[in-house]
Amino acid sequence: MNYRSISDLNNVILQRLHILPRDFDLIVGVPRSGMMPANLLALYLNKPFTDIHSFINGHIYKAGARGQFFDIKDFKKILVVEDSVASGAAMEEVKEKLAHLSAQFTIEYCAVFMAPGKEKTVDYYFETVPLPRYFQWNIMNHSTLEKACFDIDGVLCADPLPEQNDDGPKYREFLLNAKPLFIPGSRIGTIVTSRLEKYRPETEIWLKANNIKYNQLVMLDLPDMKARQKANNHGSHKANTYKSGNYVLFVESELNQAYEINRLTGKPVLCTANFEMIFKSESLMYNIKSGKYLPFLRKYALKVRNRIRKIKPASGRSTSVNVPVLHKTAHSK
C-alpha cells in the first residue's frame, strides 16, 4: 500500500515545481480531486485558476468574485491538472471533453502522482506512485474500504467529553447524539470499537442515522466501564479483529493505539489525529503480500485472478475464487 497526505502533495509540488514552464496563462483543475493541486499550482505560479466546467463555459475565478467571464484573447496556453493517473482512462475522458477547444487554446496536461507505465498520458507529472494507493483527500471514498476496519470515537464521531463518560444516562445521550467527524462515502468492512457490547443498540441507531454503511460491528464484551479500564486492552482488542481477516487498513483516532495496532498486526494503520499512515512494523507475510518482497508475485497473482474471473460455468454464473492480490510498495521518482 502507498499513501500520500496533503502535506506530501504540497511538498512534491514545491520540490519539483521547476518541471513546469512559466508561459501558462491559466490553470484548470479537474473536479473533485484535481482542484486542490490545481489551486496550489496556480498559487505558486501566480496564475489565474478555474475548474474544467467553468473553463468550457468561459468563466474563471478571481479574487473577491466567482465565475467571471474571461476574454479568450487573454488566455492561450492552458494547464489542466489532475491529482493522479491510475489507468489513464479518466484523463482520456478529460481530453475528449476539451477536444473541441484545441483550435482556440494550446492545452497541456499534468498529474501530480503517476502510476508506473502511464507516464505518456500527460505532459507533466511530479512523482511515480505504484498501485494500490490511498490519498488523504479521497481515502474516505476509496472503493477498498470494505477491506478496512474503522474505530468509531475520534474517527466517525467526536470523542465523548469527560462529563459525558459516566457509563450511564449521559453516556447514552452522547451515543445517540454524537457529532459526526469523518463519514465515509463507501461501505466499511468492519467497525471495531472499545465501546461496551451493552451499548450496541444506541451505537447502531447512530450509525443508521448518519448513513454509515458497514458489514460488521465488533464491540468490547465487558460488563462496565470499570472492567474496561482494568482490562486496558483497547489496542489488542482492535488488533485481534484486524489481523483475523483479509483487511488491508485500520483507521484509528489515537496515535499510541495506532502504533500498538500496527505493532501487533504488522499491517498499516491510518491515524486521524494527524492523518499519518503508520508503517513502522511490517510482518514478513504483509511485505510479501504488499509486493515489497518478491514483487513479481503480485503480477502473477493478478493475472491468475483475472483469468479465473473470466471463467463462467455451464450454469451461466461466474465462479467465485479468492486469490490473494499482491501489492507493490512505493517508489518515488
Protein backbone atom coordinates (compact mmCIF):
# COMPACT_ATOMS: atom_id res chain seq x y z
CA MET A 1 0.00 0.00 0.00
CA ASN A 2 1.17 3.52 -0.79
CA TYR A 3 -0.12 6.61 0.99
CA ARG A 4 0.21 10.31 0.26
CA SER A 5 -1.02 13.04 2.60
CA ILE A 6 -1.96 16.62 1.76
CA SER A 7 1.45 17.59 3.12
CA ASP A 8 3.11 15.10 0.74
CA LEU A 9 1.13 16.57 -2.16
CA ASN A 10 2.25 20.10 -1.31
CA ASN A 11 5.87 19.08 -0.76
CA VAL A 12 6.30 17.22 -4.04
CA ILE A 13 4.78 20.15 -5.94
CA LEU A 14 7.21 22.55 -4.28
CA GLN A 15 10.21 20.26 -4.80
CA ARG A 16 9.50 19.73 -8.50
CA LEU A 17 7.81 22.97 -9.49
CA HIS A 18 10.71 23.62 -11.86
CA ILE A 19 9.42 20.99 -14.32
CA LEU A 20 6.62 23.33 -15.40
CA PRO A 21 7.18 26.13 -17.95
CA ARG A 22 6.17 29.61 -16.85
CA ASP A 23 4.22 30.53 -20.00
CA PHE A 24 0.86 29.05 -18.97
CA ASP A 25 -1.93 31.61 -18.91
CA LEU A 26 -4.50 29.63 -16.91
CA ILE A 27 -4.53 26.65 -14.53
CA VAL A 28 -7.59 24.38 -14.83
CA GLY A 29 -8.47 21.79 -12.18
CA VAL A 30 -10.39 18.56 -12.81
CA PRO A 31 -13.11 18.22 -10.12
CA ARG A 32 -13.01 16.97 -7.48
CA SER A 33 -9.57 15.61 -6.66
CA GLY A 34 -7.71 17.78 -9.16
CA MET A 35 -8.95 21.04 -7.69
CA MET A 36 -6.56 21.12 -4.73
CA PRO A 37 -3.31 20.57 -6.68
CA ALA A 38 -4.53 22.95 -9.39
CA ASN A 39 -5.17 25.62 -6.76
CA LEU A 40 -1.70 25.08 -5.28
CA LEU A 41 -0.05 25.31 -8.69
CA ALA A 42 -1.98 28.49 -9.51
CA LEU A 43 -0.83 29.95 -6.18
CA TYR A 44 2.84 29.07 -6.66
CA LEU A 45 2.91 30.03 -10.36
CA ASN A 46 0.85 33.17 -9.68
CA LYS A 47 -1.63 32.32 -12.43
CA PRO A 48 -5.44 32.53 -12.63
CA PHE A 49 -7.37 29.39 -11.78
CA THR A 50 -10.67 27.72 -12.63
CA ASP A 51 -12.31 24.30 -12.89
CA ILE A 52 -12.78 22.41 -16.12
CA HIS A 53 -16.54 23.01 -16.43
CA SER A 54 -16.17 26.75 -15.81
CA PHE A 55 -13.34 26.86 -18.36
CA ILE A 56 -15.54 25.24 -21.03
CA ASN A 57 -18.21 27.87 -20.28
CA GLY A 58 -15.75 30.77 -20.37
CA HIS A 59 -15.52 31.50 -16.62
CA ILE A 60 -12.55 31.89 -14.29
CA TYR A 61 -12.16 32.55 -10.56
CA LYS A 62 -10.96 35.95 -9.43
CA ALA A 63 -10.18 37.35 -6.03
CA GLY A 64 -13.39 38.51 -4.40
CA ALA A 65 -15.52 37.11 -7.21
CA ARG A 66 -16.50 33.77 -8.63
CA GLY A 67 -17.28 32.79 -12.20
CA GLN A 68 -16.32 35.97 -14.07
CA PHE A 69 -16.25 35.72 -17.85
CA PHE A 70 -12.79 35.84 -19.39
CA ASP A 71 -11.69 37.27 -22.71
CA ILE A 72 -10.38 34.48 -24.91
CA LYS A 73 -7.62 36.82 -26.14
CA ASP A 74 -6.15 36.83 -22.61
CA PHE A 75 -5.58 33.07 -22.42
CA LYS A 76 -3.82 30.92 -24.99
CA LYS A 77 -1.85 28.25 -23.11
CA ILE A 78 -3.75 26.16 -20.57
CA LEU A 79 -2.52 23.64 -17.99
CA VAL A 80 -5.14 21.04 -16.98
CA VAL A 81 -4.36 19.45 -13.59
CA GLU A 82 -5.43 16.15 -12.02
CA ASP A 83 -4.21 14.76 -8.71
CA SER A 84 -3.30 11.34 -10.12
CA VAL A 85 -3.41 8.92 -13.01
CA ALA A 86 -4.07 5.22 -12.48
CA SER A 87 -5.31 3.51 -15.66
CA GLY A 88 -5.34 6.70 -17.69
CA ALA A 89 -9.00 6.30 -18.64
CA ALA A 90 -10.18 9.32 -16.63
CA MET A 91 -7.53 11.54 -18.20
CA GLU A 92 -8.60 10.42 -21.66
CA GLU A 93 -12.18 11.43 -20.81
CA VAL A 94 -10.94 14.88 -19.84
CA LYS A 95 -9.07 15.22 -23.12
CA GLU A 96 -12.21 14.26 -25.04
CA LYS A 97 -14.22 16.92 -23.17
CA LEU A 98 -11.72 19.57 -24.23
CA ALA A 99 -11.06 18.34 -27.78
CA HIS A 100 -13.41 20.93 -29.30
CA LEU A 101 -11.27 23.73 -27.80
CA SER A 102 -7.96 22.57 -29.30
CA ALA A 103 -8.14 25.13 -32.12
CA GLN A 104 -8.59 28.01 -29.65
CA PHE A 105 -6.10 27.01 -26.96
CA THR A 106 -2.83 25.17 -26.51
CA ILE A 107 -3.81 22.67 -23.80
CA GLU A 108 -1.31 20.59 -21.84
CA TYR A 109 -1.98 18.06 -19.09
CA CYS A 110 -0.45 17.44 -15.69
CA ALA A 111 -0.87 14.90 -12.87
CA VAL A 112 0.89 15.03 -9.52
CA PHE A 113 1.01 11.27 -8.88
CA MET A 114 1.51 8.85 -11.76
CA ALA A 115 1.09 5.07 -11.99
CA PRO A 116 4.14 3.35 -13.50
CA GLY A 117 3.77 2.81 -17.23
CA LYS A 118 1.22 5.61 -17.68
CA GLU A 119 3.67 8.50 -17.90
CA LYS A 120 2.83 9.24 -21.55
CA THR A 121 -0.81 10.02 -20.72
CA VAL A 122 0.22 13.53 -19.58
CA ASP A 123 2.77 16.20 -20.45
CA TYR A 124 4.00 16.65 -16.88
CA TYR A 125 3.92 14.60 -13.68
CA PHE A 126 5.60 15.01 -10.30
CA GLU A 127 6.01 11.55 -8.75
CA THR A 128 5.57 7.92 -9.73
CA VAL A 129 3.48 6.07 -7.14
CA PRO A 130 2.54 2.43 -7.82
CA LEU A 131 -0.88 0.97 -7.12
CA PRO A 132 -2.55 0.31 -4.73
CA ARG A 133 -2.52 3.73 -3.17
CA TYR A 134 -4.50 5.91 -0.79
CA PHE A 135 -4.64 9.70 -0.75
CA GLN A 136 -5.68 11.69 2.32
CA TRP A 137 -8.10 13.82 0.31
CA ASN A 138 -10.15 10.92 -1.06
CA ILE A 139 -9.49 7.98 1.25
CA MET A 140 -13.00 8.18 2.74
CA ASN A 141 -14.44 7.39 -0.69
CA HIS A 142 -11.97 4.66 -1.63
CA SER A 143 -13.52 1.56 -3.17
CA THR A 144 -11.48 -0.78 -0.93
CA LEU A 145 -12.84 0.48 2.41
CA GLU A 146 -14.83 -2.76 2.53
CA LYS A 147 -11.45 -4.33 3.35
CA ALA A 148 -10.86 -1.82 6.15
CA CYS A 149 -11.56 -1.63 9.88
CA PHE A 150 -12.72 1.64 11.46
CA ASP A 151 -12.78 2.85 15.03
CA ILE A 152 -15.81 5.00 15.97
CA ASP A 153 -14.92 7.60 18.61
CA GLY A 154 -12.50 10.14 17.18
CA VAL A 155 -12.99 8.76 13.67
CA LEU A 156 -16.65 8.52 12.73
CA CYS A 157 -17.71 10.84 15.55
CA ALA A 158 -16.20 13.13 18.17
CA ASP A 159 -14.91 11.64 21.41
CA PRO A 160 -17.14 11.99 24.48
CA LEU A 161 -16.27 14.75 26.93
CA PRO A 162 -15.18 13.61 30.42
CA GLU A 163 -18.52 14.67 31.90
CA GLN A 164 -20.37 12.61 29.27
CA ASN A 165 -18.39 9.45 30.00
CA ASP A 166 -20.37 8.31 33.07
CA ASP A 167 -21.30 4.80 31.83
CA GLY A 168 -24.89 5.86 32.39
CA PRO A 169 -27.57 8.25 31.10
CA LYS A 170 -25.16 10.99 30.00
CA TYR A 171 -23.12 8.50 28.02
CA ARG A 172 -26.24 7.06 26.39
CA GLU A 173 -27.24 10.58 25.42
CA PHE A 174 -23.80 11.08 23.87
CA LEU A 175 -24.03 7.81 21.91
CA LEU A 176 -27.34 8.82 20.35
CA ASN A 177 -26.31 12.40 19.53
CA ALA A 178 -22.55 12.30 18.93
CA LYS A 179 -21.23 14.89 16.48
CA PRO A 180 -20.11 13.29 13.18
CA LEU A 181 -16.48 13.60 12.08
CA PHE A 182 -15.17 11.63 9.09
CA ILE A 183 -18.11 9.93 7.38
CA PRO A 184 -17.05 7.54 4.57
CA GLY A 185 -18.83 7.62 1.26
CA SER A 186 -18.07 3.92 0.73
CA ARG A 187 -19.09 0.84 2.71
CA ILE A 188 -16.82 -0.09 5.63
CA GLY A 189 -15.80 -3.69 6.13
CA THR A 190 -15.83 -3.82 9.95
CA ILE A 191 -16.27 -1.22 12.67
CA VAL A 192 -14.14 -2.16 15.71
CA THR A 193 -14.73 -0.15 18.86
CA SER A 194 -13.89 -0.28 22.56
CA ARG A 195 -17.46 0.69 23.34
CA LEU A 196 -19.14 -1.91 25.53
CA GLU A 197 -21.42 -4.51 23.98
CA LYS A 198 -24.33 -3.30 26.10
CA TYR A 199 -24.33 -0.07 24.07
CA ARG A 200 -24.84 -1.81 20.73
CA PRO A 201 -28.47 -0.59 20.28
CA GLU A 202 -27.52 3.09 20.72
CA THR A 203 -24.46 2.68 18.50
CA GLU A 204 -26.43 1.04 15.70
CA ILE A 205 -29.09 3.75 15.87
CA TRP A 206 -26.43 6.46 15.47
CA LEU A 207 -24.71 4.65 12.58
CA LYS A 208 -28.01 4.30 10.73
CA ALA A 209 -28.96 7.93 11.39
CA ASN A 210 -25.66 9.06 9.88
CA ASN A 211 -25.97 6.78 6.85
CA ILE A 212 -22.80 4.82 7.64
CA LYS A 213 -22.76 1.52 5.75
CA TYR A 214 -20.79 -1.38 7.19
CA ASN A 215 -20.70 -5.17 7.19
CA GLN A 216 -19.92 -5.90 10.84
CA LEU A 217 -19.77 -4.15 14.22
CA VAL A 218 -17.34 -5.56 16.80
CA MET A 219 -17.66 -4.25 20.37
CA LEU A 220 -15.95 -4.98 23.69
CA ASP A 221 -17.71 -7.72 25.62
CA LEU A 222 -17.18 -6.49 29.19
CA PRO A 223 -19.80 -5.60 31.81
CA ASP A 224 -18.97 -1.97 32.58
CA MET A 225 -16.51 0.91 32.33
CA LYS A 226 -14.51 -0.23 35.37
CA ALA A 227 -13.93 -3.63 33.80
CA ARG A 228 -12.87 -1.96 30.55
CA GLN A 229 -10.43 0.32 32.36
CA LYS A 230 -8.99 -2.63 34.26
CA ALA A 231 -8.56 -4.70 31.08
CA ASN A 232 -6.94 -1.74 29.27
CA ASN A 233 -6.83 -3.75 26.06
CA HIS A 234 -8.08 -1.24 23.51
CA GLY A 235 -5.20 -1.78 21.09
CA SER A 236 -5.13 -5.57 21.32
CA HIS A 237 -8.95 -5.76 21.03
CA LYS A 238 -8.82 -3.86 17.75
CA ALA A 239 -5.71 -5.66 16.52
CA ASN A 240 -7.30 -9.10 17.04
CA THR A 241 -10.09 -8.29 14.60
CA TYR A 242 -7.75 -6.56 12.15
CA LYS A 243 -5.33 -9.48 11.88
CA SER A 244 -8.06 -12.12 11.84
CA GLY A 245 -9.49 -11.15 8.45
CA ASN A 246 -8.41 -10.12 4.96
CA TYR A 247 -8.24 -6.45 5.97
CA VAL A 248 -5.72 -4.05 4.43
CA LEU A 249 -6.24 -0.94 6.58
CA PHE A 250 -7.26 0.13 10.09
CA VAL A 251 -8.45 3.71 10.72
CA GLU A 252 -7.78 4.74 14.34
CA SER A 253 -8.02 8.11 16.10
CA GLU A 254 -5.49 7.76 18.91
CA LEU A 255 -1.81 7.80 17.92
CA ASN A 256 -0.50 5.46 20.62
CA GLN A 257 -3.21 2.92 19.85
CA ALA A 258 -2.41 3.26 16.14
CA TYR A 259 1.21 2.31 16.82
CA GLU A 260 0.08 -0.57 19.06
CA ILE A 261 -2.31 -1.95 16.43
CA ASN A 262 0.41 -1.71 13.81
CA ARG A 263 2.93 -3.43 16.09
CA LEU A 264 0.57 -6.30 16.88
CA THR A 265 -0.59 -6.89 13.31
CA GLY A 266 2.27 -5.76 11.06
CA LYS A 267 -0.38 -4.01 8.95
CA PRO A 268 -0.74 -0.28 8.17
CA VAL A 269 -2.87 1.97 10.38
CA LEU A 270 -4.16 5.42 9.44
CA CYS A 271 -4.34 7.77 12.43
CA THR A 272 -6.95 10.52 12.03
CA ALA A 273 -5.31 12.63 14.76
CA ASN A 274 -2.79 13.78 12.14
CA PHE A 275 -3.67 11.62 9.11
CA GLU A 276 -0.35 9.83 9.37
CA MET A 277 -0.13 6.32 7.96
CA ILE A 278 1.72 4.09 10.43
CA PHE A 279 4.02 1.62 8.65
CA LYS A 280 6.61 1.21 11.41
CA SER A 281 6.10 -2.52 11.94
CA GLU A 282 5.54 -4.80 8.97
CA SER A 283 5.43 -8.60 9.10
CA LEU A 284 7.20 -10.80 6.58
CA MET A 285 3.84 -12.03 5.26
CA TYR A 286 2.50 -8.50 4.85
CA ASN A 287 5.61 -7.44 2.95
CA ILE A 288 5.23 -10.41 0.61
CA LYS A 289 1.53 -9.68 0.03
CA SER A 290 2.17 -5.97 -0.43
CA GLY A 291 4.85 -6.64 -3.03
CA LYS A 292 7.70 -5.09 -1.05
CA TYR A 293 9.35 -8.52 -1.22
CA LEU A 294 9.12 -10.64 -4.40
CA PRO A 295 7.08 -8.04 -6.35
CA PHE A 296 6.81 -10.32 -9.41
CA LEU A 297 4.35 -12.45 -7.43
CA ARG A 298 1.82 -9.61 -7.49
CA LYS A 299 1.76 -9.52 -11.29
CA TYR A 300 1.36 -13.28 -11.44
CA ALA A 301 -1.46 -13.30 -8.86
CA LEU A 302 -3.32 -10.54 -10.70
CA LYS A 303 -3.11 -12.45 -13.97
CA VAL A 304 -4.41 -15.62 -12.33
CA ARG A 305 -7.24 -13.75 -10.60
CA ASN A 306 -8.34 -12.03 -13.81
CA ARG A 307 -8.35 -15.32 -15.73
CA ILE A 308 -10.45 -17.01 -13.04
CA ARG A 309 -12.94 -14.14 -13.09
CA LYS A 310 -13.48 -14.71 -16.80
CA ILE A 311 -14.35 -18.38 -16.32
CA LYS A 312 -18.11 -18.99 -16.41
CA PRO A 313 -19.54 -22.44 -15.67
CA ALA A 314 -22.29 -24.05 -17.65
CA SER A 315 -24.95 -22.60 -15.33
CA GLY A 316 -24.05 -19.15 -16.56
CA ARG A 317 -22.96 -17.92 -13.13
CA SER A 318 -19.38 -16.88 -12.67
CA THR A 319 -17.16 -18.78 -10.29
CA SER A 320 -16.05 -17.18 -7.06
CA VAL A 321 -12.47 -17.95 -6.15
CA ASN A 322 -10.35 -15.97 -3.71
CA VAL A 323 -6.84 -15.31 -4.99
CA PRO A 324 -4.55 -13.13 -2.89
CA VAL A 325 -3.68 -9.81 -4.50
CA LEU A 326 -0.05 -8.87 -4.02
CA HIS A 327 0.66 -5.15 -3.90
CA LYS A 328 3.77 -3.15 -4.69
CA THR A 329 5.39 -0.71 -2.31
CA ALA A 330 6.02 2.96 -3.00
CA HIS A 331 8.79 4.05 -5.33
CA SER A 332 9.42 7.74 -5.83
CA LYS A 333 10.86 9.27 -8.94
